[in-house]
Amino acid sequence: MKFCRVLWEDKICYATHDGDHLSIVEGNPYAEWRTTILHLGVDGARFFPPCIPTKIVAIGRNYRDHAAELGNDVPREPLIFLKPPSALIGHDQDIVYPPQSKRVDYEGELGVVMGKRAHGLKDASEAQAAIFGYTIINDVTARDLQKADVQFTRAKGFDTFCPVGPFIETLLDPTNVLVETYVNGERRQHASTSNMAFGVNTLVQYISNIMTLEPGDLISTGTPAGIGPMQRGDVVEVKIDLIGTLRNRVV
């Protein structure tokens, strides 16, 4: 099932996606909820980030081919960092190119949305049970600032640097799905999640033993090879099998 958050009668509401229409949801998708008789078309809908995370946990160098293109080894343990929730934007919202940077890159990624509070998970089955679903993320990065700072906070933390959505897909096997990124219609990234060094359940279990994950929290699982710069005016699309397409313009 697909969930999203959209504008409905001046309020941001959860909705389910079914074919060509969206059904407004009453309640909390992570607990008790039901669809209403209120429907709207997908075309023309105004989308917002499909979850409201207390934190965004991102993973670096998690695709073997991406680590190689950066000239790095695959980490022995997951390499984690945080993006602030203030970086979130939704589908069809604009990425703002900051004046502090001269190179801003796209990074298409599979996102994991937590459905239950998770702390000290012991194994993969516990991790899987705590996941609500999967979404699409563009881990936008000011590459020159990342190199200058060594650590990632400034380079990945600007407002608008975490486009997410448009949907959360609850029925997905994340072990072998295709992640693609397009810039102005030209494909730049194309890889399967099977190339990950650390799979989704491993990441969730690992993170839960460092920090407590809450319902709605977001994990960005790393990007494949093919990263590159975006320019003002570019349209960037990240596509993932069975979830959909996340599209944003750079301004």
C-alpha atoms as a PDB file:
ATOM      1  CA  MET A   1       0.000   0.000   0.000  1.00  0.00           C
ATOM      2  CA  LYS A   2       1.177   3.528  -0.788  1.00  0.00           C
ATOM      3  CA  PHE A   3       0.872   6.432   1.668  1.00  0.00           C
ATOM      4  CA  CYS A   4       1.625  10.110   1.094  1.00  0.00           C
ATOM      5  CA  ARG A   5       0.948  13.545   2.587  1.00  0.00           C
ATOM      6  CA  VAL A   6      -0.920  16.102   0.513  1.00  0.00           C
ATOM      7  CA  LEU A   7      -2.657  19.435   0.835  1.00  0.00           C
ATOM      8  CA  TRP A   8      -6.420  19.042   1.284  1.00  0.00           C
ATOM      9  CA  GLU A   9      -8.672  22.020   2.067  1.00  0.00           C
ATOM     10  CA  ASP A  10      -5.773  24.063   3.460  1.00  0.00           C
ATOM     11  CA  LYS A  11      -4.562  21.197   5.664  1.00  0.00           C
ATOM     12  CA  ILE A  12      -1.721  18.723   5.153  1.00  0.00           C
ATOM     13  CA  CYS A  13      -3.242  15.251   5.409  1.00  0.00           C
ATOM     14  CA  TYR A  14      -2.147  11.652   5.046  1.00  0.00           C
ATOM     15  CA  ALA A  15      -3.625   9.862   2.056  1.00  0.00           C
ATOM     16  CA  THR A  16      -3.441   6.479   0.393  1.00  0.00           C
ATOM     17  CA  HIS A  17      -2.690   6.094  -3.303  1.00  0.00           C
ATOM     18  CA  ASP A  18      -4.779   3.758  -5.416  1.00  0.00           C
ATOM     19  CA  GLY A  19      -4.468   4.020  -9.180  1.00  0.00           C
ATOM     20  CA  ASP A  20      -5.404   7.515 -10.335  1.00  0.00           C
ATOM     21  CA  HIS A  21      -6.729   8.907  -7.063  1.00  0.00           C
ATOM     22  CA  LEU A  22      -5.776   9.607  -3.469  1.00  0.00           C
ATOM     23  CA  SER A  23      -8.003   8.803  -0.484  1.00  0.00           C
ATOM     24  CA  ILE A  24      -7.699  11.060   2.548  1.00  0.00           C
ATOM     25  CA  VAL A  25      -6.800   9.206   5.766  1.00  0.00           C
ATOM     26  CA  GLU A  26      -8.180   9.765   9.235  1.00  0.00           C
ATOM     27  CA  GLY A  27      -5.897   8.758  12.079  1.00  0.00           C
ATOM     28  CA  ASN A  28      -2.227   7.811  12.245  1.00  0.00           C
ATOM     29  CA  PRO A  29      -0.801   5.438   9.590  1.00  0.00           C
ATOM     30  CA  TYR A  30       1.625   4.110  12.222  1.00  0.00           C
ATOM     31  CA  ALA A  31      -1.239   3.096  14.516  1.00  0.00           C
ATOM     32  CA  GLU A  32      -5.002   3.227  13.836  1.00  0.00           C
ATOM     33  CA  TRP A  33      -6.300   4.782  10.643  1.00  0.00           C
ATOM     34  CA  ARG A  34      -9.016   4.523   8.026  1.00  0.00           C
ATOM     35  CA  THR A  35      -9.637   5.991   4.605  1.00  0.00           C
ATOM     36  CA  THR A  36     -12.505   8.431   4.163  1.00  0.00           C
ATOM     37  CA  ILE A  37     -14.837   8.998   1.238  1.00  0.00           C
ATOM     38  CA  LEU A  38     -12.845  12.104   0.354  1.00  0.00           C
ATOM     39  CA  HIS A  39     -10.860  11.608  -2.855  1.00  0.00           C
ATOM     40  CA  LEU A  40      -8.685  13.756  -5.085  1.00  0.00           C
ATOM     41  CA  GLY A  41      -6.766  13.138  -8.276  1.00  0.00           C
ATOM     42  CA  VAL A  42      -3.054  12.452  -8.307  1.00  0.00           C
ATOM     43  CA  ASP A  43      -2.542  14.990 -11.098  1.00  0.00           C
ATOM     44  CA  GLY A  44      -2.464  18.419  -9.559  1.00  0.00           C
ATOM     45  CA  ALA A  45      -2.074  17.187  -5.994  1.00  0.00           C
ATOM     46  CA  ARG A  46       0.390  19.160  -3.869  1.00  0.00           C
ATOM     47  CA  PHE A  47       2.717  16.695  -2.153  1.00  0.00           C
ATOM     48  CA  PHE A  48       4.640  17.136   1.092  1.00  0.00           C
ATOM     49  CA  PRO A  49       7.265  14.851   2.652  1.00  0.00           C
ATOM     50  CA  PRO A  50       5.395  11.593   3.330  1.00  0.00           C
ATOM     51  CA  CYS A  51       6.694  11.275   6.901  1.00  0.00           C
ATOM     52  CA  ILE A  52       7.541  13.643   9.761  1.00  0.00           C
ATOM     53  CA  PRO A  53      10.837  12.372  11.188  1.00  0.00           C
ATOM     54  CA  THR A  54      12.384  13.399  14.473  1.00  0.00           C
ATOM     55  CA  LYS A  55      15.701  12.640  12.756  1.00  0.00           C
ATOM     56  CA  ILE A  56      17.091  11.667   9.365  1.00  0.00           C
ATOM     57  CA  VAL A  57      19.867   9.086   9.626  1.00  0.00           C
ATOM     58  CA  ALA A  58      21.934   8.770   6.464  1.00  0.00           C
ATOM     59  CA  ILE A  59      24.487   6.164   5.419  1.00  0.00           C
ATOM     60  CA  GLY A  60      27.719   6.940   3.592  1.00  0.00           C
ATOM     61  CA  ARG A  61      29.580   4.733   1.087  1.00  0.00           C
ATOM     62  CA  ASN A  62      27.068   1.904   1.340  1.00  0.00           C
ATOM     63  CA  TYR A  63      27.213   0.918  -2.339  1.00  0.00           C
ATOM     64  CA  ARG A  64      30.405  -0.827  -3.338  1.00  0.00           C
ATOM     65  CA  ASP A  65      30.554   0.929  -6.716  1.00  0.00           C
ATOM     66  CA  HIS A  66      30.047   4.358  -5.108  1.00  0.00           C
ATOM     67  CA  ALA A  67      32.840   3.787  -2.595  1.00  0.00           C
ATOM     68  CA  ALA A  68      35.083   2.800  -5.506  1.00  0.00           C
ATOM     69  CA  GLU A  69      34.251   5.925  -7.539  1.00  0.00           C
ATOM     70  CA  LEU A  70      35.228   8.060  -4.545  1.00  0.00           C
ATOM     71  CA  GLY A  71      38.479   6.123  -4.129  1.00  0.00           C
ATOM     72  CA  ASN A  72      37.423   4.771  -0.747  1.00  0.00           C
ATOM     73  CA  ASP A  73      37.145   1.327   0.761  1.00  0.00           C
ATOM     74  CA  VAL A  74      33.750   0.056   1.888  1.00  0.00           C
ATOM     75  CA  PRO A  75      33.494   0.828   5.639  1.00  0.00           C
ATOM     76  CA  ARG A  76      33.802  -2.107   8.025  1.00  0.00           C
ATOM     77  CA  GLU A  77      30.692  -0.849   9.836  1.00  0.00           C
ATOM     78  CA  PRO A  78      27.919   1.399   8.513  1.00  0.00           C
ATOM     79  CA  LEU A  79      29.092   4.998   8.226  1.00  0.00           C
ATOM     80  CA  ILE A  80      26.272   7.113   9.645  1.00  0.00           C
ATOM     81  CA  PHE A  81      25.570  10.833   9.756  1.00  0.00           C
ATOM     82  CA  LEU A  82      22.519  13.025  10.339  1.00  0.00           C
ATOM     83  CA  LYS A  83      20.580  15.422   8.155  1.00  0.00           C
ATOM     84  CA  PRO A  84      18.315  17.922   9.939  1.00  0.00           C
ATOM     85  CA  PRO A  85      14.532  17.661   9.486  1.00  0.00           C
ATOM     86  CA  SER A  86      14.639  21.302   8.337  1.00  0.00           C
ATOM     87  CA  ALA A  87      16.236  20.015   5.100  1.00  0.00           C
ATOM     88  CA  LEU A  88      13.035  18.161   4.125  1.00  0.00           C
ATOM     89  CA  ILE A  89      11.023  19.072   1.046  1.00  0.00           C
ATOM     90  CA  GLY A  90       8.461  17.095  -0.913  1.00  0.00           C
ATOM     91  CA  HIS A  91       7.883  15.987  -4.483  1.00  0.00           C
ATOM     92  CA  ASP A  92       7.826  18.883  -6.978  1.00  0.00           C
ATOM     93  CA  GLN A  93       9.229  21.345  -4.430  1.00  0.00           C
ATOM     94  CA  ASP A  94      12.389  23.313  -5.245  1.00  0.00           C
ATOM     95  CA  ILE A  95      15.969  22.567  -4.211  1.00  0.00           C
ATOM     96  CA  VAL A  96      17.654  25.881  -3.416  1.00  0.00           C
ATOM     97  CA  TYR A  97      21.278  26.155  -4.528  1.00  0.00           C
ATOM     98  CA  PRO A  98      23.119  27.817  -1.589  1.00  0.00           C
ATOM     99  CA  PRO A  99      25.447  30.727  -2.348  1.00  0.00           C
ATOM    100  CA  GLN A 100      28.162  29.169  -0.145  1.00  0.00           C
ATOM    101  CA  SER A 101      28.719  26.309  -2.609  1.00  0.00           C
ATOM    102  CA  LYS A 102      30.027  26.047  -6.145  1.00  0.00           C
ATOM    103  CA  ARG A 103      29.145  22.350  -6.608  1.00  0.00           C
ATOM    104  CA  VAL A 104      25.887  20.764  -5.469  1.00  0.00           C
ATOM    105  CA  ASP A 105      25.352  17.064  -6.269  1.00  0.00           C
ATOM    106  CA  TYR A 106      22.356  14.732  -6.490  1.00  0.00           C
ATOM    107  CA  GLU A 107      22.410  11.381  -4.670  1.00  0.00           C
ATOM    108  CA  GLY A 108      19.407   9.157  -5.372  1.00  0.00           C
ATOM    109  CA  GLU A 109      18.682   6.760  -2.501  1.00  0.00           C
ATOM    110  CA  LEU A 110      16.196   4.279  -1.082  1.00  0.00           C
ATOM    111  CA  GLY A 111      14.650   5.617   2.120  1.00  0.00           C
ATOM    112  CA  VAL A 112      13.379   3.572   5.063  1.00  0.00           C
ATOM    113  CA  VAL A 113      10.495   4.898   7.176  1.00  0.00           C
ATOM    114  CA  MET A 114      10.196   3.528  10.691  1.00  0.00           C
ATOM    115  CA  GLY A 115       6.811   2.385  11.948  1.00  0.00           C
ATOM    116  CA  LYS A 116       7.618   1.459  15.536  1.00  0.00           C
ATOM    117  CA  ARG A 117       9.872   2.704  18.287  1.00  0.00           C
ATOM    118  CA  ALA A 118      13.136   0.775  17.936  1.00  0.00           C
ATOM    119  CA  HIS A 119      15.865   0.554  20.545  1.00  0.00           C
ATOM    120  CA  GLY A 120      18.530  -2.111  20.917  1.00  0.00           C
ATOM    121  CA  LEU A 121      17.129  -4.429  18.256  1.00  0.00           C
ATOM    122  CA  LYS A 122      18.740  -7.855  18.421  1.00  0.00           C
ATOM    123  CA  ASP A 123      18.324  -9.312  14.939  1.00  0.00           C
ATOM    124  CA  ALA A 124      17.048  -8.828  11.393  1.00  0.00           C
ATOM    125  CA  SER A 125      13.527 -10.040  12.156  1.00  0.00           C
ATOM    126  CA  GLU A 126      13.100  -7.421  14.883  1.00  0.00           C
ATOM    127  CA  ALA A 127      14.435  -4.774  12.520  1.00  0.00           C
ATOM    128  CA  GLN A 128      12.075  -5.763   9.734  1.00  0.00           C
ATOM    129  CA  ALA A 129       9.095  -5.712  12.090  1.00  0.00           C
ATOM    130  CA  ALA A 130       9.904  -2.113  13.081  1.00  0.00           C
ATOM    131  CA  ILE A 131       9.875  -0.794   9.481  1.00  0.00           C
ATOM    132  CA  PHE A 132       6.733   0.889   8.163  1.00  0.00           C
ATOM    133  CA  GLY A 133       7.751   1.172   4.515  1.00  0.00           C
ATOM    134  CA  TYR A 134      10.083   2.588   1.890  1.00  0.00           C
ATOM    135  CA  THR A 135      10.351   5.885   0.063  1.00  0.00           C
ATOM    136  CA  ILE A 136      12.670   7.831  -2.268  1.00  0.00           C
ATOM    137  CA  ILE A 137      15.303  10.321  -1.119  1.00  0.00           C
ATOM    138  CA  ASN A 138      17.677  12.699  -2.871  1.00  0.00           C
ATOM    139  CA  ASP A 139      20.559  13.206  -0.422  1.00  0.00           C
ATOM    140  CA  VAL A 140      21.588  16.572  -1.886  1.00  0.00           C
ATOM    141  CA  THR A 141      25.212  17.408  -1.080  1.00  0.00           C
ATOM    142  CA  ALA A 142      27.400  20.486  -1.423  1.00  0.00           C
ATOM    143  CA  ARG A 143      30.399  18.457  -2.561  1.00  0.00           C
ATOM    144  CA  ASP A 144      32.977  21.219  -2.285  1.00  0.00           C
ATOM    145  CA  LEU A 145      31.949  21.973   1.283  1.00  0.00           C
ATOM    146  CA  GLN A 146      32.028  18.289   2.174  1.00  0.00           C
ATOM    147  CA  LYS A 147      35.626  18.085   0.991  1.00  0.00           C
ATOM    148  CA  ALA A 148      36.552  21.284   2.806  1.00  0.00           C
ATOM    149  CA  ASP A 149      34.947  20.275   6.105  1.00  0.00           C
ATOM    150  CA  VAL A 150      35.785  16.545   6.029  1.00  0.00           C
ATOM    151  CA  GLN A 151      32.652  15.805   8.085  1.00  0.00           C
ATOM    152  CA  PHE A 152      29.205  16.050   6.484  1.00  0.00           C
ATOM    153  CA  THR A 153      26.920  18.333   8.510  1.00  0.00           C
ATOM    154  CA  ARG A 154      27.208  21.595   6.598  1.00  0.00           C
ATOM    155  CA  ALA A 155      27.444  19.995   3.170  1.00  0.00           C
ATOM    156  CA  LYS A 156      24.288  17.933   3.610  1.00  0.00           C
ATOM    157  CA  GLY A 157      22.305  20.081   6.027  1.00  0.00           C
ATOM    158  CA  PHE A 158      21.114  23.085   4.028  1.00  0.00           C
ATOM    159  CA  ASP A 159      17.397  23.789   3.855  1.00  0.00           C
ATOM    160  CA  THR A 160      15.825  21.875   0.899  1.00  0.00           C
ATOM    161  CA  PHE A 161      18.716  19.341   0.811  1.00  0.00           C
ATOM    162  CA  CYS A 162      16.499  16.347   1.595  1.00  0.00           C
ATOM    163  CA  PRO A 163      13.752  15.870  -1.013  1.00  0.00           C
ATOM    164  CA  VAL A 164      11.585  12.876  -0.041  1.00  0.00           C
ATOM    165  CA  GLY A 165       8.565  11.143  -1.533  1.00  0.00           C
ATOM    166  CA  PRO A 166       6.139  11.252  -3.044  1.00  0.00           C
ATOM    167  CA  PHE A 167       5.016   7.932  -1.538  1.00  0.00           C
ATOM    168  CA  ILE A 168       5.812   5.414   1.174  1.00  0.00           C
ATOM    169  CA  GLU A 169       5.374   1.886  -0.169  1.00  0.00           C
ATOM    170  CA  THR A 170       4.663  -0.591   2.638  1.00  0.00           C
ATOM    171  CA  LEU A 171       4.842  -3.703   0.456  1.00  0.00           C
ATOM    172  CA  LEU A 172       8.375  -3.828  -0.936  1.00  0.00           C
ATOM    173  CA  ASP A 173      11.299  -6.219  -0.813  1.00  0.00           C
ATOM    174  CA  PRO A 174      14.248  -3.804  -0.497  1.00  0.00           C
ATOM    175  CA  THR A 175      16.948  -6.361  -1.262  1.00  0.00           C
ATOM    176  CA  ASN A 176      16.914  -6.015  -5.053  1.00  0.00           C
ATOM    177  CA  VAL A 177      15.155  -2.920  -6.380  1.00  0.00           C
ATOM    178  CA  LEU A 178      16.427  -0.561  -9.049  1.00  0.00           C
ATOM    179  CA  VAL A 179      17.498   2.975  -8.094  1.00  0.00           C
ATOM    180  CA  GLU A 180      17.825   5.462 -10.972  1.00  0.00           C
ATOM    181  CA  THR A 181      18.551   9.180 -11.090  1.00  0.00           C
ATOM    182  CA  TYR A 182      17.862  11.407 -14.100  1.00  0.00           C
ATOM    183  CA  VAL A 183      18.951  15.003 -14.697  1.00  0.00           C
ATOM    184  CA  ASN A 184      16.909  16.781 -17.369  1.00  0.00           C
ATOM    185  CA  GLY A 185      15.828  13.370 -18.658  1.00  0.00           C
ATOM    186  CA  GLU A 186      19.354  11.925 -18.917  1.00  0.00           C
ATOM    187  CA  ARG A 187      20.042   8.903 -16.734  1.00  0.00           C
ATOM    188  CA  ARG A 188      22.983   9.418 -14.371  1.00  0.00           C
ATOM    189  CA  GLN A 189      22.563   6.632 -11.790  1.00  0.00           C
ATOM    190  CA  HIS A 190      21.385   3.060 -12.351  1.00  0.00           C
ATOM    191  CA  ALA A 191      21.971   0.327  -9.780  1.00  0.00           C
ATOM    192  CA  SER A 192      20.258  -2.321  -7.702  1.00  0.00           C
ATOM    193  CA  THR A 193      20.058  -2.220  -3.926  1.00  0.00           C
ATOM    194  CA  SER A 194      21.707  -5.650  -4.066  1.00  0.00           C
ATOM    195  CA  ASN A 195      24.969  -3.678  -4.444  1.00  0.00           C
ATOM    196  CA  MET A 196      24.637  -2.366  -0.893  1.00  0.00           C
ATOM    197  CA  ALA A 197      27.375  -3.358   1.516  1.00  0.00           C
ATOM    198  CA  PHE A 198      24.900  -3.320   4.417  1.00  0.00           C
ATOM    199  CA  GLY A 199      21.280  -4.268   3.830  1.00  0.00           C
ATOM    200  CA  VAL A 200      18.246  -2.481   5.204  1.00  0.00           C
ATOM    201  CA  ASN A 201      17.640  -4.745   8.207  1.00  0.00           C
ATOM    202  CA  THR A 202      21.312  -4.609   9.171  1.00  0.00           C
ATOM    203  CA  LEU A 203      21.222  -0.812   9.048  1.00  0.00           C
ATOM    204  CA  VAL A 204      18.068  -0.540  11.166  1.00  0.00           C
ATOM    205  CA  GLN A 205      19.437  -2.947  13.777  1.00  0.00           C
ATOM    206  CA  TYR A 206      22.810  -1.160  13.867  1.00  0.00           C
ATOM    207  CA  ILE A 207      21.330   2.326  14.217  1.00  0.00           C
ATOM    208  CA  SER A 208      18.861   1.195  16.913  1.00  0.00           C
ATOM    209  CA  ASN A 209      21.812   0.180  19.063  1.00  0.00           C
ATOM    210  CA  ILE A 210      23.177   3.724  18.859  1.00  0.00           C
ATOM    211  CA  MET A 211      20.048   5.882  18.991  1.00  0.00           C
ATOM    212  CA  THR A 212      16.361   5.191  19.535  1.00  0.00           C
ATOM    213  CA  LEU A 213      14.359   5.315  16.317  1.00  0.00           C
ATOM    214  CA  GLU A 214      10.809   6.681  16.478  1.00  0.00           C
ATOM    215  CA  PRO A 215       7.814   6.117  14.180  1.00  0.00           C
ATOM    216  CA  GLY A 216       8.241   8.336  11.135  1.00  0.00           C
ATOM    217  CA  ASP A 217      12.024   8.512  11.440  1.00  0.00           C
ATOM    218  CA  LEU A 218      13.824   8.303   8.127  1.00  0.00           C
ATOM    219  CA  ILE A 219      16.920   6.337   7.117  1.00  0.00           C
ATOM    220  CA  SER A 220      18.664   7.177   3.845  1.00  0.00           C
ATOM    221  CA  THR A 221      20.476   3.992   2.851  1.00  0.00           C
ATOM    222  CA  GLY A 222      23.262   5.338   0.627  1.00  0.00           C
ATOM    223  CA  THR A 223      23.700   6.173  -3.031  1.00  0.00           C
ATOM    224  CA  PRO A 224      25.077   4.119  -5.932  1.00  0.00           C
ATOM    225  CA  ALA A 225      27.795   5.210  -8.342  1.00  0.00           C
ATOM    226  CA  GLY A 226      27.152   8.021 -10.801  1.00  0.00           C
ATOM    227  CA  ILE A 227      26.910  11.024  -8.500  1.00  0.00           C
ATOM    228  CA  GLY A 228      27.377  14.384 -10.158  1.00  0.00           C
ATOM    229  CA  PRO A 229      26.588  18.090 -10.081  1.00  0.00           C
ATOM    230  CA  MET A 230      23.278  19.839 -10.535  1.00  0.00           C
ATOM    231  CA  GLN A 231      22.892  23.324 -11.967  1.00  0.00           C
ATOM    232  CA  ARG A 232      20.268  25.972 -11.373  1.00  0.00           C
ATOM    233  CA  GLY A 233      17.312  25.204 -13.618  1.00  0.00           C
ATOM    234  CA  ASP A 234      17.941  21.441 -13.710  1.00  0.00           C
ATOM    235  CA  VAL A 235      15.106  19.000 -13.074  1.00  0.00           C
ATOM    236  CA  VAL A 236      16.258  15.977 -11.063  1.00  0.00           C
ATOM    237  CA  GLU A 237      14.205  12.784 -10.892  1.00  0.00           C
ATOM    238  CA  VAL A 238      14.930   9.771  -8.690  1.00  0.00           C
ATOM    239  CA  LYS A 239      13.016   6.629  -9.634  1.00  0.00           C
ATOM    240  CA  ILE A 240      12.707   3.420  -7.625  1.00  0.00           C
ATOM    241  CA  ASP A 241      10.834   0.327  -8.733  1.00  0.00           C
ATOM    242  CA  LEU A 242       7.343   0.022  -7.249  1.00  0.00           C
ATOM    243  CA  ILE A 243       7.578   3.304  -5.317  1.00  0.00           C
ATOM    244  CA  GLY A 244       7.467   5.917  -8.073  1.00  0.00           C
ATOM    245  CA  THR A 245       9.379   9.048  -9.078  1.00  0.00           C
ATOM    246  CA  LEU A 246      10.601  11.922  -6.905  1.00  0.00           C
ATOM    247  CA  ARG A 247      11.012  15.083  -9.002  1.00  0.00           C
ATOM    248  CA  ASN A 248      12.545  18.422  -7.963  1.00  0.00           C
ATOM    249  CA  ARG A 249      13.840  21.523  -9.713  1.00  0.00           C
ATOM    250  CA  VAL A 250      17.042  23.308  -8.711  1.00  0.00           C
ATOM    251  CA  VAL A 251      16.627  27.068  -8.257  1.00  0.00           C
END
